[in-house]
Amino acid sequence: MITLYHNPRCSKSRGALDVIASHNKANEPVEVIEYLKHPLTVTQLEALNALLGCSVREMVRDTETVYVELGLSNPKLTDAEIYEAIASHPILMQRPIVVRNGRAVIGRPPENVDALFA
């Protein structure tokens, strides 16, 4: 199963979908989750972050207006507070994120997705 956390309005997200299609020769099922319509819970975000193997801050889009409004650049914020912010404001989550075989990557640039098929 391949899972794509997708924003159809994002060119990088659409590019990741193209990369998946080009590599998916075995026709693995692909689940496309429009995370803006179906936000992840804190628990789901924590699990996704564990697969990414990065800090929770690397999952955050710091170019969004809400990032500044919430003061998320404050280094004193805990991981729990950042997860809660992403869960409450899904626009903050980096996109796209692709999960396959217990591994995940942020598909910025979309070519990062290649690593899941190597």
C-alpha atoms as a PDB file:
ATOM      1  CA  MET A   1       0.000   0.000   0.000  1.00  0.00           C
ATOM      2  CA  ILE A   2       1.233   3.451  -0.927  1.00  0.00           C
ATOM      3  CA  THR A   3      -0.282   6.415   0.886  1.00  0.00           C
ATOM      4  CA  LEU A   4      -0.063   9.961  -0.410  1.00  0.00           C
ATOM      5  CA  TYR A   5      -1.002  12.865   1.850  1.00  0.00           C
ATOM      6  CA  HIS A   6      -2.080  15.139  -0.943  1.00  0.00           C
ATOM      7  CA  ASN A   7      -3.172  18.676  -1.702  1.00  0.00           C
ATOM      8  CA  PRO A   8      -4.469  18.671  -5.276  1.00  0.00           C
ATOM      9  CA  ARG A   9      -3.843  22.424  -5.582  1.00  0.00           C
ATOM     10  CA  CYS A  10      -0.102  21.931  -4.954  1.00  0.00           C
ATOM     11  CA  SER A  11       2.142  21.307  -7.974  1.00  0.00           C
ATOM     12  CA  LYS A  12       4.659  19.364  -5.824  1.00  0.00           C
ATOM     13  CA  SER A  13       1.871  17.120  -4.590  1.00  0.00           C
ATOM     14  CA  ARG A  14       0.644  16.488  -8.126  1.00  0.00           C
ATOM     15  CA  GLY A  15       4.261  15.802  -9.121  1.00  0.00           C
ATOM     16  CA  ALA A  16       4.593  13.215  -6.347  1.00  0.00           C
ATOM     17  CA  LEU A  17       1.481  11.487  -7.667  1.00  0.00           C
ATOM     18  CA  ASP A  18       3.134  11.338 -11.101  1.00  0.00           C
ATOM     19  CA  VAL A  19       6.323   9.871  -9.588  1.00  0.00           C
ATOM     20  CA  ILE A  20       4.274   7.210  -7.797  1.00  0.00           C
ATOM     21  CA  ALA A  21       2.496   6.337 -11.044  1.00  0.00           C
ATOM     22  CA  SER A  22       5.788   6.020 -12.923  1.00  0.00           C
ATOM     23  CA  HIS A  23       7.288   3.662 -10.318  1.00  0.00           C
ATOM     24  CA  ASN A  24       4.193   1.629  -9.447  1.00  0.00           C
ATOM     25  CA  LYS A  25       4.758  -1.150 -11.976  1.00  0.00           C
ATOM     26  CA  ALA A  26       3.289  -3.770  -9.621  1.00  0.00           C
ATOM     27  CA  ASN A  27       0.047  -1.764  -9.334  1.00  0.00           C
ATOM     28  CA  GLU A  28       0.268  -1.492  -5.558  1.00  0.00           C
ATOM     29  CA  PRO A  29      -2.879   0.083  -4.144  1.00  0.00           C
ATOM     30  CA  VAL A  30      -2.511   3.837  -3.732  1.00  0.00           C
ATOM     31  CA  GLU A  31      -4.495   5.657  -1.078  1.00  0.00           C
ATOM     32  CA  VAL A  32      -4.715   9.387  -1.713  1.00  0.00           C
ATOM     33  CA  ILE A  33      -5.657  11.331   1.400  1.00  0.00           C
ATOM     34  CA  GLU A  34      -6.593  14.953   0.928  1.00  0.00           C
ATOM     35  CA  TYR A  35      -5.381  15.971   4.359  1.00  0.00           C
ATOM     36  CA  LEU A  36      -7.007  19.421   4.194  1.00  0.00           C
ATOM     37  CA  LYS A  37     -10.414  17.720   3.931  1.00  0.00           C
ATOM     38  CA  HIS A  38      -9.477  14.892   6.313  1.00  0.00           C
ATOM     39  CA  PRO A  39      -7.020  16.305   8.883  1.00  0.00           C
ATOM     40  CA  LEU A  40      -4.773  13.937  10.766  1.00  0.00           C
ATOM     41  CA  THR A  41      -5.100  13.522  14.507  1.00  0.00           C
ATOM     42  CA  VAL A  42      -2.185  14.174  16.830  1.00  0.00           C
ATOM     43  CA  THR A  43      -1.687  10.403  17.145  1.00  0.00           C
ATOM     44  CA  GLN A  44      -1.634   9.979  13.365  1.00  0.00           C
ATOM     45  CA  LEU A  45       0.817  12.877  13.009  1.00  0.00           C
ATOM     46  CA  GLU A  46       3.131  11.336  15.610  1.00  0.00           C
ATOM     47  CA  ALA A  47       3.082   8.000  13.772  1.00  0.00           C
ATOM     48  CA  LEU A  48       3.726   9.699  10.433  1.00  0.00           C
ATOM     49  CA  ASN A  49       6.588  11.681  11.941  1.00  0.00           C
ATOM     50  CA  ALA A  50       8.142   8.472  13.273  1.00  0.00           C
ATOM     51  CA  LEU A  51       8.128   7.057   9.722  1.00  0.00           C
ATOM     52  CA  LEU A  52       9.695  10.249   8.390  1.00  0.00           C
ATOM     53  CA  GLY A  53      12.429  10.091  11.006  1.00  0.00           C
ATOM     54  CA  CYS A  54      12.718  13.861  11.294  1.00  0.00           C
ATOM     55  CA  SER A  55      11.870  16.470  13.869  1.00  0.00           C
ATOM     56  CA  VAL A  56       8.251  17.548  14.053  1.00  0.00           C
ATOM     57  CA  ARG A  57       9.374  21.043  13.028  1.00  0.00           C
ATOM     58  CA  GLU A  58      10.481  19.622   9.670  1.00  0.00           C
ATOM     59  CA  MET A  59       6.858  18.599   9.075  1.00  0.00           C
ATOM     60  CA  VAL A  60       5.688  22.217   9.388  1.00  0.00           C
ATOM     61  CA  ARG A  61       5.248  24.648   6.528  1.00  0.00           C
ATOM     62  CA  ASP A  62       6.743  27.813   7.954  1.00  0.00           C
ATOM     63  CA  THR A  63       5.576  29.920   4.993  1.00  0.00           C
ATOM     64  CA  GLU A  64       1.919  29.791   5.987  1.00  0.00           C
ATOM     65  CA  THR A  65       0.326  32.865   7.590  1.00  0.00           C
ATOM     66  CA  VAL A  66      -1.042  30.760  10.442  1.00  0.00           C
ATOM     67  CA  TYR A  67       2.542  29.728  11.305  1.00  0.00           C
ATOM     68  CA  VAL A  68       3.340  33.339  12.176  1.00  0.00           C
ATOM     69  CA  GLU A  69      -0.050  33.965  13.792  1.00  0.00           C
ATOM     70  CA  LEU A  70       0.446  31.018  16.159  1.00  0.00           C
ATOM     71  CA  GLY A  71       4.041  31.937  16.979  1.00  0.00           C
ATOM     72  CA  LEU A  72       5.297  28.524  15.906  1.00  0.00           C
ATOM     73  CA  SER A  73       8.835  29.783  15.416  1.00  0.00           C
ATOM     74  CA  ASN A  74       9.143  29.976  19.220  1.00  0.00           C
ATOM     75  CA  PRO A  75      11.856  27.423  20.114  1.00  0.00           C
ATOM     76  CA  LYS A  76      10.250  26.909  23.533  1.00  0.00           C
ATOM     77  CA  LEU A  77       7.207  25.209  22.021  1.00  0.00           C
ATOM     78  CA  THR A  78       7.028  21.494  22.751  1.00  0.00           C
ATOM     79  CA  ASP A  79       6.570  18.820  20.129  1.00  0.00           C
ATOM     80  CA  ALA A  80       3.095  18.210  21.570  1.00  0.00           C
ATOM     81  CA  GLU A  81       2.170  21.845  20.958  1.00  0.00           C
ATOM     82  CA  ILE A  82       3.405  21.677  17.388  1.00  0.00           C
ATOM     83  CA  TYR A  83       1.515  18.432  16.694  1.00  0.00           C
ATOM     84  CA  GLU A  84      -1.614  20.068  18.110  1.00  0.00           C
ATOM     85  CA  ALA A  85      -1.120  23.093  15.844  1.00  0.00           C
ATOM     86  CA  ILE A  86      -0.800  20.874  12.752  1.00  0.00           C
ATOM     87  CA  ALA A  87      -3.862  18.846  13.762  1.00  0.00           C
ATOM     88  CA  SER A  88      -5.873  22.035  14.259  1.00  0.00           C
ATOM     89  CA  HIS A  89      -4.501  23.751  11.138  1.00  0.00           C
ATOM     90  CA  PRO A  90      -3.704  21.046   8.562  1.00  0.00           C
ATOM     91  CA  ILE A  91      -2.434  23.659   6.082  1.00  0.00           C
ATOM     92  CA  LEU A  92       0.696  23.667   8.275  1.00  0.00           C
ATOM     93  CA  MET A  93       1.665  20.115   7.298  1.00  0.00           C
ATOM     94  CA  GLN A  94       4.401  19.768   4.698  1.00  0.00           C
ATOM     95  CA  ARG A  95       3.168  18.383   1.443  1.00  0.00           C
ATOM     96  CA  PRO A  96       3.175  15.972  -0.079  1.00  0.00           C
ATOM     97  CA  ILE A  97       4.112  13.112   2.203  1.00  0.00           C
ATOM     98  CA  VAL A  98       4.338   9.621   0.746  1.00  0.00           C
ATOM     99  CA  VAL A  99       4.394   6.414   2.796  1.00  0.00           C
ATOM    100  CA  ARG A 100       5.402   3.004   1.482  1.00  0.00           C
ATOM    101  CA  ASN A 101       6.651  -0.165   3.181  1.00  0.00           C
ATOM    102  CA  GLY A 102       7.055   1.434   6.594  1.00  0.00           C
ATOM    103  CA  ARG A 103       9.020   4.418   5.285  1.00  0.00           C
ATOM    104  CA  ALA A 104       7.961   7.951   4.475  1.00  0.00           C
ATOM    105  CA  VAL A 105       9.362  10.981   2.677  1.00  0.00           C
ATOM    106  CA  ILE A 106       8.354  14.561   2.177  1.00  0.00           C
ATOM    107  CA  GLY A 107       7.991  14.901  -1.584  1.00  0.00           C
ATOM    108  CA  ARG A 108       9.607  18.326  -1.893  1.00  0.00           C
ATOM    109  CA  PRO A 109      10.939  18.015  -4.510  1.00  0.00           C
ATOM    110  CA  PRO A 110       8.787  15.212  -5.938  1.00  0.00           C
ATOM    111  CA  GLU A 111      11.945  13.269  -6.842  1.00  0.00           C
ATOM    112  CA  ASN A 112      12.376  12.552  -3.105  1.00  0.00           C
ATOM    113  CA  VAL A 113       9.665   9.922  -3.624  1.00  0.00           C
ATOM    114  CA  ASP A 114      12.088   7.901  -5.771  1.00  0.00           C
ATOM    115  CA  ALA A 115      13.848   6.748  -2.585  1.00  0.00           C
ATOM    116  CA  LEU A 116      10.769   4.746  -1.561  1.00  0.00           C
ATOM    117  CA  PHE A 117      11.096   2.623  -4.699  1.00  0.00           C
ATOM    118  CA  ALA A 118      14.871   2.041  -4.644  1.00  0.00           C
END
